[in-house]
């Protein structure tokens, strides 16, 4: 557990120093080198433990077996090609985990660096909200998630061709990513109050559609096992999450003008939060829909620093971020150490196999 707390503390701190140096940079190669040293240290602390892990994570053995045997079954072509390229150079499965961890965390790291108001805080939220540890397990989907997460650069700048290409690449790793493609036309628009009201009325339509066609869609994408294994929470267990996501969305609406004064693309994050709320509403009736909520919920690591800075003065923002960071450190201990979340404890490296 100690190694995870070290990652949680030091990777965001070094990211913060890198971003701070970048923002204060006027010119000169020496400053640029210092900036990249901070960023490099942060990325290494984040990535190396994930890359050299061994027998860590619920799905470790599954992916190790897939890579060693080459038995890909129904898995997506992009993932198969990814594995084929790695196996061309080495049949040792550790290189699969090195490559997948570097790809996932590299895209997340770059997207945070380029889009967060406070990259250090966003990186801490990424680790503390357990997304970092989820990337140890749902590797195929998390490659797709990280690609979609990075696509926010093209979403903000309304580069539909670039955005479409990136989402199609993500689709090659996990078919569920395709839903991000049509949402381009919803996510990059700045709505007025009546626009959001109209989108709210569309949520019941989405629920009805998925109730009748969701199973068929999942089966056509070869994901019927997600439905059959019944591993997702729904019904009354989804109510607290729905209430939280709705409250967060209304806070975003209330402070959107202030958020836009700090980031003119803040409305994109608010739109993503609305979609996230909608997904949880669908999950109340259809638990398996929870599987796709992470595509939207992960953007909260960019949203929280921006929202907190918009609620009042710097003291309030500092207090809220401090409370959240302490709360997340407790959550990490409870989930990882006490409850054994994702089987990431004990941590072991490849050198001890």
Protein backbone atom coordinates (compact mmCIF):
# COMPACT_ATOMS: atom_id res chain seq x y z
CA UNK A 1 0.00 0.00 0.00
CA UNK A 2 2.94 2.30 0.71
CA UNK A 3 3.99 2.36 -2.94
CA UNK A 4 0.53 3.49 -4.00
CA UNK A 5 0.56 6.34 -1.49
CA UNK A 6 3.99 7.38 -2.80
CA UNK A 7 2.57 7.49 -6.32
CA UNK A 8 -0.47 9.42 -5.04
CA UNK A 9 1.74 12.02 -3.38
CA UNK A 10 4.81 12.45 -5.55
CA UNK A 11 3.51 12.07 -9.12
CA UNK A 12 1.00 14.94 -8.68
CA UNK A 13 3.55 17.11 -6.85
CA UNK A 14 6.08 16.81 -9.66
CA UNK A 15 3.31 17.38 -12.21
CA UNK A 16 2.37 20.55 -10.31
CA UNK A 17 5.95 21.84 -10.39
CA UNK A 18 6.20 21.12 -14.11
CA UNK A 19 2.97 22.97 -14.86
CA UNK A 20 3.96 25.85 -12.60
CA UNK A 21 7.29 26.22 -14.36
CA UNK A 22 5.59 26.05 -17.76
CA UNK A 23 3.14 28.81 -16.86
CA UNK A 24 5.86 31.08 -15.54
CA UNK A 25 8.12 30.39 -18.48
CA UNK A 26 9.08 33.43 -20.48
CA UNK A 27 11.70 31.85 -22.68
CA UNK A 28 15.07 30.18 -22.58
CA UNK A 29 16.16 26.60 -23.00
CA UNK A 30 17.20 26.13 -19.37
CA UNK A 31 13.70 26.72 -18.11
CA UNK A 32 12.31 24.37 -20.72
CA UNK A 33 14.67 21.63 -19.59
CA UNK A 34 13.64 22.09 -15.97
CA UNK A 35 9.99 21.91 -16.93
CA UNK A 36 10.45 18.61 -18.73
CA UNK A 37 12.50 17.18 -15.87
CA UNK A 38 9.53 17.75 -13.53
CA UNK A 39 7.10 16.28 -16.04
CA UNK A 40 9.41 13.34 -16.71
CA UNK A 41 9.77 12.51 -13.02
CA UNK A 42 6.01 12.68 -12.57
CA UNK A 43 5.36 10.37 -15.52
CA UNK A 44 7.99 7.87 -14.44
CA UNK A 45 6.60 7.67 -10.90
CA UNK A 46 3.13 7.14 -12.35
CA UNK A 47 4.04 4.65 -15.06
CA UNK A 48 6.94 2.48 -13.94
CA UNK A 49 5.08 0.71 -11.08
CA UNK A 50 2.20 -0.07 -13.45
CA UNK A 51 4.55 -1.22 -16.21
CA UNK A 52 6.62 -3.65 -14.13
CA UNK A 53 3.79 -5.09 -12.04
CA UNK A 54 3.48 -8.86 -11.90
CA UNK A 55 0.44 -10.84 -10.81
CA UNK A 56 -1.20 -7.59 -9.72
CA UNK A 57 -4.84 -7.03 -10.62
CA UNK A 58 -7.90 -9.21 -11.11
CA UNK A 59 -7.38 -9.53 -14.87
CA UNK A 60 -3.59 -9.95 -14.88
CA UNK A 61 -3.68 -13.69 -15.49
CA UNK A 62 -6.36 -13.31 -18.19
CA UNK A 63 -4.27 -10.89 -20.25
CA UNK A 64 -1.08 -12.80 -19.60
CA UNK A 65 -2.73 -15.97 -20.94
CA UNK A 66 -4.17 -14.18 -23.97
CA UNK A 67 -0.77 -12.77 -24.88
CA UNK A 68 1.11 -16.03 -24.32
CA UNK A 69 -1.34 -18.27 -26.19
CA UNK A 70 -2.45 -15.88 -28.91
CA UNK A 71 -6.01 -17.05 -28.32
CA UNK A 72 -7.81 -13.75 -28.99
CA UNK A 73 -11.30 -15.13 -29.65
CA UNK A 74 -13.77 -12.29 -30.20
CA UNK A 75 -11.34 -9.56 -29.11
CA UNK A 76 -11.10 -6.45 -31.25
CA UNK A 77 -8.65 -6.23 -34.14
CA UNK A 78 -6.84 -3.20 -32.78
CA UNK A 79 -6.00 -5.07 -29.60
CA UNK A 80 -4.91 -8.13 -31.58
CA UNK A 81 -2.60 -6.01 -33.75
CA UNK A 82 -1.26 -4.31 -30.62
CA UNK A 83 -0.36 -7.70 -29.14
CA UNK A 84 1.08 -8.96 -32.45
CA UNK A 85 3.46 -6.01 -32.67
CA UNK A 86 4.70 -6.60 -29.12
CA UNK A 87 5.06 -10.37 -29.61
CA UNK A 88 7.08 -9.73 -32.79
CA UNK A 89 9.82 -8.29 -30.59
CA UNK A 90 9.37 -10.46 -27.49
CA UNK A 91 7.17 -13.30 -26.29
CA UNK A 92 7.67 -12.26 -22.66
CA UNK A 93 4.25 -11.02 -21.40
CA UNK A 94 5.88 -8.34 -19.24
CA UNK A 95 6.36 -6.29 -22.40
CA UNK A 96 2.63 -6.36 -22.99
CA UNK A 97 2.10 -4.75 -19.58
CA UNK A 98 4.92 -2.27 -20.17
CA UNK A 99 3.45 -1.21 -23.53
CA UNK A 100 -0.20 -1.08 -22.43
CA UNK A 101 0.60 0.86 -19.25
CA UNK A 102 2.77 3.35 -21.14
CA UNK A 103 0.07 3.88 -23.77
CA UNK A 104 -2.80 4.29 -21.29
CA UNK A 105 -1.01 6.47 -18.77
CA UNK A 106 0.80 8.43 -21.45
CA UNK A 107 -2.45 9.55 -23.08
CA UNK A 108 -4.05 10.32 -19.71
CA UNK A 109 -0.97 12.27 -18.63
CA UNK A 110 -0.83 14.33 -21.84
CA UNK A 111 -4.56 15.10 -21.77
CA UNK A 112 -4.31 16.29 -18.16
CA UNK A 113 -1.24 18.40 -18.92
CA UNK A 114 -2.90 20.06 -21.91
CA UNK A 115 -6.43 20.54 -20.55
CA UNK A 116 -6.45 20.80 -16.77
CA UNK A 117 -6.54 24.08 -14.92
CA UNK A 118 -4.43 22.40 -12.24
CA UNK A 119 -2.67 19.33 -13.69
CA UNK A 120 -1.27 18.24 -10.32
CA UNK A 121 -4.72 18.07 -8.76
CA UNK A 122 -6.21 16.31 -11.78
CA UNK A 123 -3.48 13.66 -11.64
CA UNK A 124 -4.12 13.19 -7.91
CA UNK A 125 -7.84 12.79 -8.62
CA UNK A 126 -7.05 10.24 -11.35
CA UNK A 127 -5.13 8.13 -8.84
CA UNK A 128 -7.33 8.73 -5.81
CA UNK A 129 -10.61 7.98 -7.58
CA UNK A 130 -9.14 4.55 -8.42
CA UNK A 131 -9.04 4.98 -12.21
CA UNK A 132 -5.31 4.35 -12.02
CA UNK A 133 -5.98 0.93 -10.50
CA UNK A 134 -8.82 0.15 -12.91
CA UNK A 135 -6.27 0.55 -15.70
CA UNK A 136 -4.46 -2.49 -14.25
CA UNK A 137 -7.50 -4.62 -15.05
CA UNK A 138 -9.85 -3.61 -17.85
CA UNK A 139 -6.85 -3.05 -20.12
CA UNK A 140 -8.61 -3.24 -23.49
CA UNK A 141 -11.34 -0.87 -22.46
CA UNK A 142 -8.94 1.44 -20.66
CA UNK A 143 -6.85 1.81 -23.80
CA UNK A 144 -10.07 2.91 -25.53
CA UNK A 145 -10.97 5.18 -22.58
CA UNK A 146 -7.55 6.86 -22.60
CA UNK A 147 -7.81 7.48 -26.35
CA UNK A 148 -11.29 8.98 -25.92
CA UNK A 149 -10.05 11.04 -22.98
CA UNK A 150 -7.30 12.52 -25.13
CA UNK A 151 -9.86 13.30 -27.86
CA UNK A 152 -11.13 16.23 -25.77
CA UNK A 153 -8.48 18.32 -27.53
CA UNK A 154 -10.28 17.81 -30.85
CA UNK A 155 -13.72 18.07 -29.25
CA UNK A 156 -12.94 21.52 -27.85
CA UNK A 157 -11.53 22.83 -31.12
CA UNK A 158 -14.36 21.28 -33.17
CA UNK A 159 -12.03 19.23 -35.34
CA UNK A 160 -14.55 16.61 -36.32
CA UNK A 161 -12.27 14.69 -38.70
CA UNK A 162 -9.49 14.37 -36.12
CA UNK A 163 -12.03 13.49 -33.44
CA UNK A 164 -13.67 10.83 -35.64
CA UNK A 165 -10.35 9.20 -36.50
CA UNK A 166 -9.33 9.04 -32.84
CA UNK A 167 -12.67 7.53 -31.76
CA UNK A 168 -12.47 4.94 -34.53
CA UNK A 169 -9.00 3.98 -33.29
CA UNK A 170 -10.46 3.59 -29.79
CA UNK A 171 -13.24 1.45 -31.31
CA UNK A 172 -10.57 -0.94 -32.60
CA UNK A 173 -9.60 -1.65 -28.97
CA UNK A 174 -13.08 -1.74 -27.42
CA UNK A 175 -16.28 -1.51 -29.43
CA UNK A 176 -18.11 0.41 -26.71
CA UNK A 177 -16.05 3.49 -27.64
CA UNK A 178 -18.13 3.95 -30.80
CA UNK A 179 -20.87 5.66 -28.78
CA UNK A 180 -18.54 8.66 -28.41
CA UNK A 181 -18.75 9.32 -32.15
CA UNK A 182 -22.36 10.61 -32.50
CA UNK A 183 -22.07 12.44 -29.16
CA UNK A 184 -19.66 14.86 -30.83
CA UNK A 185 -22.67 16.89 -31.94
CA UNK A 186 -23.99 17.07 -28.37
CA UNK A 187 -20.81 17.63 -26.42
CA UNK A 188 -19.19 20.55 -28.20
CA UNK A 189 -22.17 22.92 -28.10
CA UNK A 190 -22.73 25.73 -25.61
CA UNK A 191 -26.36 25.35 -24.50
CA UNK A 192 -28.67 27.83 -22.88
CA UNK A 193 -31.02 26.79 -20.06
CA UNK A 194 -33.72 25.60 -22.47
CA UNK A 195 -31.16 23.50 -24.32
CA UNK A 196 -30.24 21.63 -21.17
CA UNK A 197 -33.94 21.25 -20.37
CA UNK A 198 -34.48 19.62 -23.76
CA UNK A 199 -31.58 17.24 -23.13
CA UNK A 200 -33.12 16.32 -19.77
CA UNK A 201 -36.32 15.31 -21.50
CA UNK A 202 -34.31 13.04 -23.78
CA UNK A 203 -33.07 10.94 -20.86
CA UNK A 204 -36.33 8.92 -20.54
CA UNK A 205 -36.19 8.32 -24.30
CA UNK A 206 -32.67 6.94 -23.93
CA UNK A 207 -33.82 4.68 -21.09
CA UNK A 208 -36.72 3.33 -23.14
CA UNK A 209 -34.49 2.80 -26.18
CA UNK A 210 -31.87 0.88 -24.19
CA UNK A 211 -34.53 -1.11 -22.36
CA UNK A 212 -35.79 -2.53 -25.64
CA UNK A 213 -32.66 -2.53 -27.80
CA UNK A 214 -29.73 -2.46 -25.36
CA UNK A 215 -29.38 -6.24 -25.12
CA UNK A 216 -29.41 -6.59 -28.91
CA UNK A 217 -26.76 -3.89 -29.25
CA UNK A 218 -24.56 -5.58 -26.63
CA UNK A 219 -24.93 -8.92 -28.38
CA UNK A 220 -24.07 -7.45 -31.76
CA UNK A 221 -20.86 -6.07 -30.24
CA UNK A 222 -20.05 -9.47 -28.66
CA UNK A 223 -20.52 -8.08 -25.15
CA UNK A 224 -23.47 -10.20 -24.07
CA UNK A 225 -21.25 -11.62 -21.30
CA UNK A 226 -21.43 -8.21 -19.60
CA UNK A 227 -25.16 -8.74 -19.25
CA UNK A 228 -25.09 -12.41 -18.39
CA UNK A 229 -22.59 -12.21 -15.53
CA UNK A 230 -24.68 -9.62 -13.66
CA UNK A 231 -21.63 -7.90 -12.16
CA UNK A 232 -22.97 -4.35 -12.37
CA UNK A 233 -25.02 -2.48 -9.80
CA UNK A 234 -28.36 -0.97 -10.69
CA UNK A 235 -31.82 -0.40 -9.29
CA UNK A 236 -31.95 1.21 -5.86
CA UNK A 237 -28.17 0.81 -5.46
CA UNK A 238 -27.74 3.39 -8.23
CA UNK A 239 -29.85 6.05 -6.49
CA UNK A 240 -27.02 7.60 -4.38
CA UNK A 241 -24.82 7.83 -7.46
CA UNK A 242 -27.63 9.38 -9.50
CA UNK A 243 -28.24 11.95 -6.75
CA UNK A 244 -24.54 12.82 -6.60
CA UNK A 245 -24.16 13.17 -10.37
CA UNK A 246 -27.28 15.36 -10.59
CA UNK A 247 -26.09 17.59 -7.74
CA UNK A 248 -22.71 17.98 -9.39
CA UNK A 249 -24.32 18.87 -12.69
CA UNK A 250 -26.47 21.62 -11.12
CA UNK A 251 -23.42 23.03 -9.35
CA UNK A 252 -21.68 23.14 -12.72
CA UNK A 253 -24.62 24.98 -14.28
CA UNK A 254 -24.76 27.45 -11.40
CA UNK A 255 -21.09 28.36 -11.72
CA UNK A 256 -20.64 27.84 -15.45
CA UNK A 257 -20.05 31.57 -16.21
CA UNK A 258 -17.25 31.66 -13.63
CA UNK A 259 -15.82 28.43 -14.95
CA UNK A 260 -15.83 29.83 -18.48
CA UNK A 261 -13.94 32.90 -17.29
CA UNK A 262 -11.12 30.51 -16.40
CA UNK A 263 -11.57 28.08 -19.29
CA UNK A 264 -13.67 29.07 -22.28
CA UNK A 265 -14.29 25.38 -23.03
CA UNK A 266 -15.74 24.63 -19.59
CA UNK A 267 -19.13 23.92 -21.18
CA UNK A 268 -17.67 20.77 -22.77
CA UNK A 269 -16.96 19.33 -19.31
CA UNK A 270 -20.47 20.31 -18.16
CA UNK A 271 -21.98 18.55 -21.18
CA UNK A 272 -19.94 15.46 -20.39
CA UNK A 273 -21.26 15.58 -16.83
CA UNK A 274 -24.82 15.67 -18.14
CA UNK A 275 -24.18 12.59 -20.26
CA UNK A 276 -22.62 10.92 -17.23
CA UNK A 277 -25.75 11.63 -15.20
CA UNK A 278 -27.87 10.24 -18.03
CA UNK A 279 -25.86 7.01 -18.09
CA UNK A 280 -26.49 6.46 -14.39
CA UNK A 281 -30.20 7.10 -14.89
CA UNK A 282 -30.18 4.36 -17.52
CA UNK A 283 -28.24 2.09 -15.16
CA UNK A 284 -31.09 2.33 -12.64
CA UNK A 285 -33.09 0.12 -15.00
CA UNK A 286 -30.24 -1.49 -16.93
CA UNK A 287 -27.24 -2.23 -14.68
CA UNK A 288 -24.94 -3.31 -17.52
CA UNK A 289 -24.97 0.27 -18.85
CA UNK A 290 -22.63 1.10 -15.95
CA UNK A 291 -19.84 -0.40 -18.03
CA UNK A 292 -19.80 2.66 -20.30
CA UNK A 293 -20.16 5.34 -17.62
CA UNK A 294 -16.39 5.51 -17.14
CA UNK A 295 -15.97 7.09 -20.60
CA UNK A 296 -17.68 10.20 -19.20
CA UNK A 297 -17.05 10.05 -15.48
CA UNK A 298 -13.27 10.14 -15.94
CA UNK A 299 -13.56 13.71 -17.21
CA UNK A 300 -14.42 14.75 -13.66
CA UNK A 301 -10.70 14.75 -12.93
CA UNK A 302 -10.57 17.84 -15.18
CA UNK A 303 -13.87 19.21 -13.90
CA UNK A 304 -13.24 19.27 -10.14
CA UNK A 305 -10.22 21.64 -10.06
CA UNK A 306 -12.03 24.03 -12.40
CA UNK A 307 -15.30 23.91 -10.47
CA UNK A 308 -13.68 24.34 -7.05
CA UNK A 309 -11.71 27.35 -8.24
CA UNK A 310 -14.99 28.92 -9.41
CA UNK A 311 -16.92 28.58 -6.15
CA UNK A 312 -15.30 31.52 -4.36
CA UNK A 313 -11.91 32.80 -3.39
CA UNK A 314 -8.67 30.86 -3.33
CA UNK A 315 -9.10 29.85 0.32
CA UNK A 316 -12.38 28.05 -0.44
CA UNK A 317 -10.85 26.27 -3.42
CA UNK A 318 -7.84 25.21 -1.34
CA UNK A 319 -10.10 23.94 1.45
CA UNK A 320 -12.29 21.92 -0.93
CA UNK A 321 -9.34 20.39 -2.73
CA UNK A 322 -7.67 19.52 0.57
CA UNK A 323 -10.82 17.86 1.90
CA UNK A 324 -11.21 15.89 -1.32
CA UNK A 325 -7.59 14.78 -1.38
CA UNK A 326 -7.71 13.59 2.22
CA UNK A 327 -11.03 11.86 1.55
CA UNK A 328 -9.58 10.10 -1.48
CA UNK A 329 -6.56 8.91 0.51
CA UNK A 330 -8.97 7.31 2.98
CA UNK A 331 -11.00 5.85 0.11
CA UNK A 332 -7.83 4.30 -1.33
CA UNK A 333 -7.04 2.63 1.99
CA UNK A 334 -10.58 1.29 2.42
CA UNK A 335 -11.00 0.01 -1.12
CA UNK A 336 -7.50 -1.25 -1.83
CA UNK A 337 -6.30 -2.48 1.54
CA UNK A 338 -9.44 -3.41 3.47
CA UNK A 339 -11.74 -4.52 0.65
CA UNK A 340 -9.14 -5.83 -1.80
CA UNK A 341 -10.43 -3.77 -4.74
CA UNK A 342 -9.18 -5.15 -8.06
CA UNK A 343 -6.62 -7.34 -6.26
CA UNK A 344 -3.86 -4.74 -6.56
CA UNK A 345 -2.51 -5.58 -3.09
CA UNK A 346 0.03 -6.99 -2.46
CA UNK A 347 2.07 -5.16 -5.08
CA UNK A 348 4.72 -7.27 -6.78
CA UNK A 349 7.18 -6.55 -9.56
CA UNK A 350 8.36 -8.66 -12.45
CA UNK A 351 11.75 -8.99 -10.75
CA UNK A 352 10.20 -11.22 -8.09
CA UNK A 353 8.41 -13.67 -10.40
